[in-house]
Amino acid sequence: MSNSTIRFPSEDFPALPAVSLVLPEEWSGVVVPATVLAAHRRVDEGQFVSNVIVRTQRVENTVDLQTAAAIVDEGVASLADVQDIGRAIIETAGRNGYAREFAFRHAEAGTLAQSWRIFVVEHDGVTDLVELVGTVSPARTLDLAEIRSIMDTALIGDRQPAVRS
């Protein structure tokens, strides 16, 4: 029996979708564990830092936007004291997605508001979910408009080689 080698990315294990965001002047990119992309707003020390993160996950090829929306709604339902702000099917750069906004009580940070957007990306025989999550505190609620604007700039490609920024 001979050994074999598998590799990511490769034809058998395609790269994750490429994602880009345009950040306003007061925002900067930051490396955050378990994310592929993240940004935060510069704020005074001691304040909750408004942020946007991007996560991806490979899922079964049967997952569609309706299923992805149900995954988001299930996650939100597990949070404490949820108050809905809104939800809708959206389009960003020609790609349909599901958006949900809500406030909830976080055990350590207190009340937070979040804006979630999820997109289904089918490519190279696989399906990936791309999830954008923005979070603000009550003291920074005006940042929610900035988070929406950042998310509106999302470009999600099937895949793309890495480039130096």
C-alpha atoms as a PDB file:
ATOM      1  CA  MET A   1       0.000   0.000   0.000  1.00  0.00           C
ATOM      2  CA  SER A   2       1.465   3.354  -0.988  1.00  0.00           C
ATOM      3  CA  ASN A   3       1.069   6.685   0.736  1.00  0.00           C
ATOM      4  CA  SER A   4      -0.874   9.486  -0.896  1.00  0.00           C
ATOM      5  CA  THR A   5      -0.788  13.218  -0.405  1.00  0.00           C
ATOM      6  CA  ILE A   6      -3.785  15.525  -0.349  1.00  0.00           C
ATOM      7  CA  ARG A   7      -3.433  19.279  -0.636  1.00  0.00           C
ATOM      8  CA  PHE A   8      -5.481  22.425  -0.013  1.00  0.00           C
ATOM      9  CA  PRO A   9      -6.185  24.238  -2.176  1.00  0.00           C
ATOM     10  CA  SER A  10      -6.294  21.806  -5.077  1.00  0.00           C
ATOM     11  CA  GLU A  11      -8.696  20.510  -7.689  1.00  0.00           C
ATOM     12  CA  ASP A  12     -10.088  18.026  -5.145  1.00  0.00           C
ATOM     13  CA  PHE A  13     -10.120  20.556  -2.295  1.00  0.00           C
ATOM     14  CA  PRO A  14     -10.898  23.974  -3.831  1.00  0.00           C
ATOM     15  CA  ALA A  15      -9.853  27.253  -2.218  1.00  0.00           C
ATOM     16  CA  LEU A  16     -12.360  29.192  -0.158  1.00  0.00           C
ATOM     17  CA  PRO A  17     -14.165  32.108  -1.803  1.00  0.00           C
ATOM     18  CA  ALA A  18     -12.272  35.381  -2.032  1.00  0.00           C
ATOM     19  CA  VAL A  19     -13.798  38.231  -0.003  1.00  0.00           C
ATOM     20  CA  SER A  20     -13.001  41.938   0.072  1.00  0.00           C
ATOM     21  CA  LEU A  21     -14.426  44.852   2.072  1.00  0.00           C
ATOM     22  CA  VAL A  22     -13.879  48.594   1.663  1.00  0.00           C
ATOM     23  CA  LEU A  23     -13.244  50.230   5.041  1.00  0.00           C
ATOM     24  CA  PRO A  24     -13.973  53.841   6.027  1.00  0.00           C
ATOM     25  CA  GLU A  25     -11.151  56.004   7.361  1.00  0.00           C
ATOM     26  CA  GLU A  26     -11.761  55.200  11.047  1.00  0.00           C
ATOM     27  CA  TRP A  27     -11.650  51.437  10.450  1.00  0.00           C
ATOM     28  CA  SER A  28      -8.726  49.050  10.003  1.00  0.00           C
ATOM     29  CA  GLY A  29      -8.172  45.373   9.339  1.00  0.00           C
ATOM     30  CA  VAL A  30      -7.265  43.078  12.214  1.00  0.00           C
ATOM     31  CA  VAL A  31      -6.437  39.384  12.481  1.00  0.00           C
ATOM     32  CA  VAL A  32      -9.073  37.537  14.520  1.00  0.00           C
ATOM     33  CA  PRO A  33      -9.008  33.779  15.203  1.00  0.00           C
ATOM     34  CA  ALA A  34     -11.590  31.665  13.322  1.00  0.00           C
ATOM     35  CA  THR A  35     -12.183  34.366  10.697  1.00  0.00           C
ATOM     36  CA  VAL A  36     -10.878  34.902   7.178  1.00  0.00           C
ATOM     37  CA  LEU A  37     -11.193  38.681   7.392  1.00  0.00           C
ATOM     38  CA  ALA A  38     -11.963  41.151  10.181  1.00  0.00           C
ATOM     39  CA  ALA A  39     -12.043  44.891  10.774  1.00  0.00           C
ATOM     40  CA  HIS A  40     -12.659  47.145  13.740  1.00  0.00           C
ATOM     41  CA  ARG A  41     -13.370  50.801  14.342  1.00  0.00           C
ATOM     42  CA  ARG A  42     -10.874  52.888  16.253  1.00  0.00           C
ATOM     43  CA  VAL A  43     -12.520  53.981  19.519  1.00  0.00           C
ATOM     44  CA  ASP A  44     -11.443  55.479  22.824  1.00  0.00           C
ATOM     45  CA  GLU A  45      -9.848  53.043  25.244  1.00  0.00           C
ATOM     46  CA  GLY A  46     -12.361  51.241  27.429  1.00  0.00           C
ATOM     47  CA  GLN A  47     -15.179  51.329  24.860  1.00  0.00           C
ATOM     48  CA  PHE A  48     -16.568  48.264  23.117  1.00  0.00           C
ATOM     49  CA  VAL A  49     -14.896  48.025  19.712  1.00  0.00           C
ATOM     50  CA  SER A  50     -17.413  47.931  16.859  1.00  0.00           C
ATOM     51  CA  ASN A  51     -16.348  45.252  14.411  1.00  0.00           C
ATOM     52  CA  VAL A  52     -17.073  43.264  11.271  1.00  0.00           C
ATOM     53  CA  ILE A  53     -15.876  39.701  10.828  1.00  0.00           C
ATOM     54  CA  VAL A  54     -16.053  37.336   7.869  1.00  0.00           C
ATOM     55  CA  ARG A  55     -16.247  33.573   8.355  1.00  0.00           C
ATOM     56  CA  THR A  56     -16.521  30.792   5.802  1.00  0.00           C
ATOM     57  CA  GLN A  57     -17.508  27.186   6.041  1.00  0.00           C
ATOM     58  CA  ARG A  58     -17.789  24.387   3.520  1.00  0.00           C
ATOM     59  CA  VAL A  59     -21.231  22.777   3.578  1.00  0.00           C
ATOM     60  CA  GLU A  60     -23.167  20.056   1.773  1.00  0.00           C
ATOM     61  CA  ASN A  61     -23.999  20.872  -1.846  1.00  0.00           C
ATOM     62  CA  THR A  62     -27.698  20.721  -0.921  1.00  0.00           C
ATOM     63  CA  VAL A  63     -27.460  23.915   1.173  1.00  0.00           C
ATOM     64  CA  ASP A  64     -29.254  26.811  -0.517  1.00  0.00           C
ATOM     65  CA  LEU A  65     -30.070  30.360   0.624  1.00  0.00           C
ATOM     66  CA  GLN A  66     -33.227  29.231   2.433  1.00  0.00           C
ATOM     67  CA  THR A  67     -31.234  26.631   4.382  1.00  0.00           C
ATOM     68  CA  ALA A  68     -28.487  29.182   5.126  1.00  0.00           C
ATOM     69  CA  ALA A  69     -31.109  31.635   6.429  1.00  0.00           C
ATOM     70  CA  ALA A  70     -32.457  28.904   8.711  1.00  0.00           C
ATOM     71  CA  ILE A  71     -28.917  28.310  10.044  1.00  0.00           C
ATOM     72  CA  VAL A  72     -28.641  32.024  10.906  1.00  0.00           C
ATOM     73  CA  ASP A  73     -32.100  32.121  12.492  1.00  0.00           C
ATOM     74  CA  GLU A  74     -31.293  29.022  14.562  1.00  0.00           C
ATOM     75  CA  GLY A  75     -28.106  30.665  15.839  1.00  0.00           C
ATOM     76  CA  VAL A  76     -29.968  33.854  16.740  1.00  0.00           C
ATOM     77  CA  ALA A  77     -32.682  31.862  18.538  1.00  0.00           C
ATOM     78  CA  SER A  78     -30.024  30.439  20.876  1.00  0.00           C
ATOM     79  CA  LEU A  79     -29.083  33.926  22.147  1.00  0.00           C
ATOM     80  CA  ALA A  80     -30.554  35.614  25.246  1.00  0.00           C
ATOM     81  CA  ASP A  81     -33.225  38.336  25.121  1.00  0.00           C
ATOM     82  CA  VAL A  82     -33.259  38.765  21.325  1.00  0.00           C
ATOM     83  CA  GLN A  83     -35.061  41.794  19.897  1.00  0.00           C
ATOM     84  CA  ASP A  84     -35.396  41.766  16.114  1.00  0.00           C
ATOM     85  CA  ILE A  85     -34.422  44.833  14.133  1.00  0.00           C
ATOM     86  CA  GLY A  86     -35.150  43.325  10.726  1.00  0.00           C
ATOM     87  CA  ARG A  87     -34.491  40.584   8.178  1.00  0.00           C
ATOM     88  CA  ALA A  88     -34.561  40.431   4.392  1.00  0.00           C
ATOM     89  CA  ILE A  89     -33.247  38.780   1.266  1.00  0.00           C
ATOM     90  CA  ILE A  90     -30.651  41.196  -0.130  1.00  0.00           C
ATOM     91  CA  GLU A  91     -28.378  41.566  -3.128  1.00  0.00           C
ATOM     92  CA  THR A  92     -24.751  42.614  -2.817  1.00  0.00           C
ATOM     93  CA  ALA A  93     -22.613  42.936  -5.956  1.00  0.00           C
ATOM     94  CA  GLY A  94     -24.984  40.672  -7.869  1.00  0.00           C
ATOM     95  CA  ARG A  95     -25.034  37.929  -5.229  1.00  0.00           C
ATOM     96  CA  ASN A  96     -28.216  37.150  -3.252  1.00  0.00           C
ATOM     97  CA  GLY A  97     -27.897  36.836   0.505  1.00  0.00           C
ATOM     98  CA  TYR A  98     -29.871  36.801   3.722  1.00  0.00           C
ATOM     99  CA  ALA A  99     -29.583  39.706   6.167  1.00  0.00           C
ATOM    100  CA  ARG A 100     -30.713  39.707   9.775  1.00  0.00           C
ATOM    101  CA  GLU A 101     -30.268  42.423  12.395  1.00  0.00           C
ATOM    102  CA  PHE A 102     -31.100  42.136  16.064  1.00  0.00           C
ATOM    103  CA  ALA A 103     -30.107  43.115  19.592  1.00  0.00           C
ATOM    104  CA  PHE A 104     -29.379  40.607  22.343  1.00  0.00           C
ATOM    105  CA  ARG A 105     -27.904  40.324  25.818  1.00  0.00           C
ATOM    106  CA  HIS A 106     -24.339  39.009  25.927  1.00  0.00           C
ATOM    107  CA  ALA A 107     -23.274  37.434  29.246  1.00  0.00           C
ATOM    108  CA  GLU A 108     -20.054  39.488  29.495  1.00  0.00           C
ATOM    109  CA  ALA A 109     -20.528  42.526  27.234  1.00  0.00           C
ATOM    110  CA  GLY A 110     -24.164  43.328  28.036  1.00  0.00           C
ATOM    111  CA  THR A 111     -26.534  44.431  25.296  1.00  0.00           C
ATOM    112  CA  LEU A 112     -25.135  44.253  21.770  1.00  0.00           C
ATOM    113  CA  ALA A 113     -26.623  44.701  18.314  1.00  0.00           C
ATOM    114  CA  GLN A 114     -25.562  42.579  15.363  1.00  0.00           C
ATOM    115  CA  SER A 115     -25.977  42.683  11.629  1.00  0.00           C
ATOM    116  CA  TRP A 116     -25.538  39.286   9.943  1.00  0.00           C
ATOM    117  CA  ARG A 117     -25.347  38.592   6.233  1.00  0.00           C
ATOM    118  CA  ILE A 118     -24.903  35.145   4.761  1.00  0.00           C
ATOM    119  CA  PHE A 119     -24.201  34.150   1.170  1.00  0.00           C
ATOM    120  CA  VAL A 120     -24.130  30.733  -0.518  1.00  0.00           C
ATOM    121  CA  VAL A 121     -21.226  30.341  -2.952  1.00  0.00           C
ATOM    122  CA  GLU A 122     -21.269  27.334  -5.287  1.00  0.00           C
ATOM    123  CA  HIS A 123     -17.997  26.722  -7.129  1.00  0.00           C
ATOM    124  CA  ASP A 124     -15.736  23.934  -8.338  1.00  0.00           C
ATOM    125  CA  GLY A 125     -18.193  21.231  -7.222  1.00  0.00           C
ATOM    126  CA  VAL A 126     -18.430  22.488  -3.621  1.00  0.00           C
ATOM    127  CA  THR A 127     -20.645  24.880  -1.662  1.00  0.00           C
ATOM    128  CA  ASP A 128     -19.336  27.417   0.842  1.00  0.00           C
ATOM    129  CA  LEU A 129     -21.161  29.790   3.162  1.00  0.00           C
ATOM    130  CA  VAL A 130     -19.698  33.264   3.538  1.00  0.00           C
ATOM    131  CA  GLU A 131     -20.940  34.966   6.687  1.00  0.00           C
ATOM    132  CA  LEU A 132     -20.443  38.633   7.563  1.00  0.00           C
ATOM    133  CA  VAL A 133     -21.183  39.647  11.154  1.00  0.00           C
ATOM    134  CA  GLY A 134     -21.024  43.208  12.457  1.00  0.00           C
ATOM    135  CA  THR A 135     -21.355  44.007  16.166  1.00  0.00           C
ATOM    136  CA  VAL A 136     -21.934  47.269  18.080  1.00  0.00           C
ATOM    137  CA  SER A 137     -22.703  48.258  21.670  1.00  0.00           C
ATOM    138  CA  PRO A 138     -25.467  50.690  22.743  1.00  0.00           C
ATOM    139  CA  ALA A 139     -22.864  53.463  23.162  1.00  0.00           C
ATOM    140  CA  ARG A 140     -21.818  52.971  19.510  1.00  0.00           C
ATOM    141  CA  THR A 141     -25.212  52.410  17.814  1.00  0.00           C
ATOM    142  CA  LEU A 142     -24.364  54.994  15.145  1.00  0.00           C
ATOM    143  CA  ASP A 143     -21.630  52.589  14.017  1.00  0.00           C
ATOM    144  CA  LEU A 144     -24.366  50.228  12.797  1.00  0.00           C
ATOM    145  CA  ALA A 145     -24.824  52.460   9.735  1.00  0.00           C
ATOM    146  CA  GLU A 146     -21.075  52.195   9.035  1.00  0.00           C
ATOM    147  CA  ILE A 147     -21.228  48.418   9.441  1.00  0.00           C
ATOM    148  CA  ARG A 148     -24.068  48.221   6.914  1.00  0.00           C
ATOM    149  CA  SER A 149     -22.051  50.375   4.499  1.00  0.00           C
ATOM    150  CA  ILE A 150     -18.972  48.168   4.918  1.00  0.00           C
ATOM    151  CA  MET A 151     -21.051  45.047   4.304  1.00  0.00           C
ATOM    152  CA  ASP A 152     -22.567  46.678   1.204  1.00  0.00           C
ATOM    153  CA  THR A 153     -19.048  46.814  -0.297  1.00  0.00           C
ATOM    154  CA  ALA A 154     -18.503  43.057   0.065  1.00  0.00           C
ATOM    155  CA  LEU A 155     -17.181  41.435  -3.082  1.00  0.00           C
ATOM    156  CA  ILE A 156     -17.384  37.671  -2.867  1.00  0.00           C
ATOM    157  CA  GLY A 157     -15.684  35.690  -5.599  1.00  0.00           C
ATOM    158  CA  ASP A 158     -15.720  31.991  -6.303  1.00  0.00           C
ATOM    159  CA  ARG A 159     -11.985  31.941  -5.573  1.00  0.00           C
ATOM    160  CA  GLN A 160      -9.019  34.152  -6.151  1.00  0.00           C
ATOM    161  CA  PRO A 161      -5.274  34.003  -5.604  1.00  0.00           C
ATOM    162  CA  ALA A 162      -3.915  35.836  -2.572  1.00  0.00           C
ATOM    163  CA  VAL A 163      -2.683  39.379  -3.161  1.00  0.00           C
ATOM    164  CA  ARG A 164      -0.563  41.572  -0.942  1.00  0.00           C
ATOM    165  CA  SER A 165      -2.414  44.675   0.314  1.00  0.00           C
END
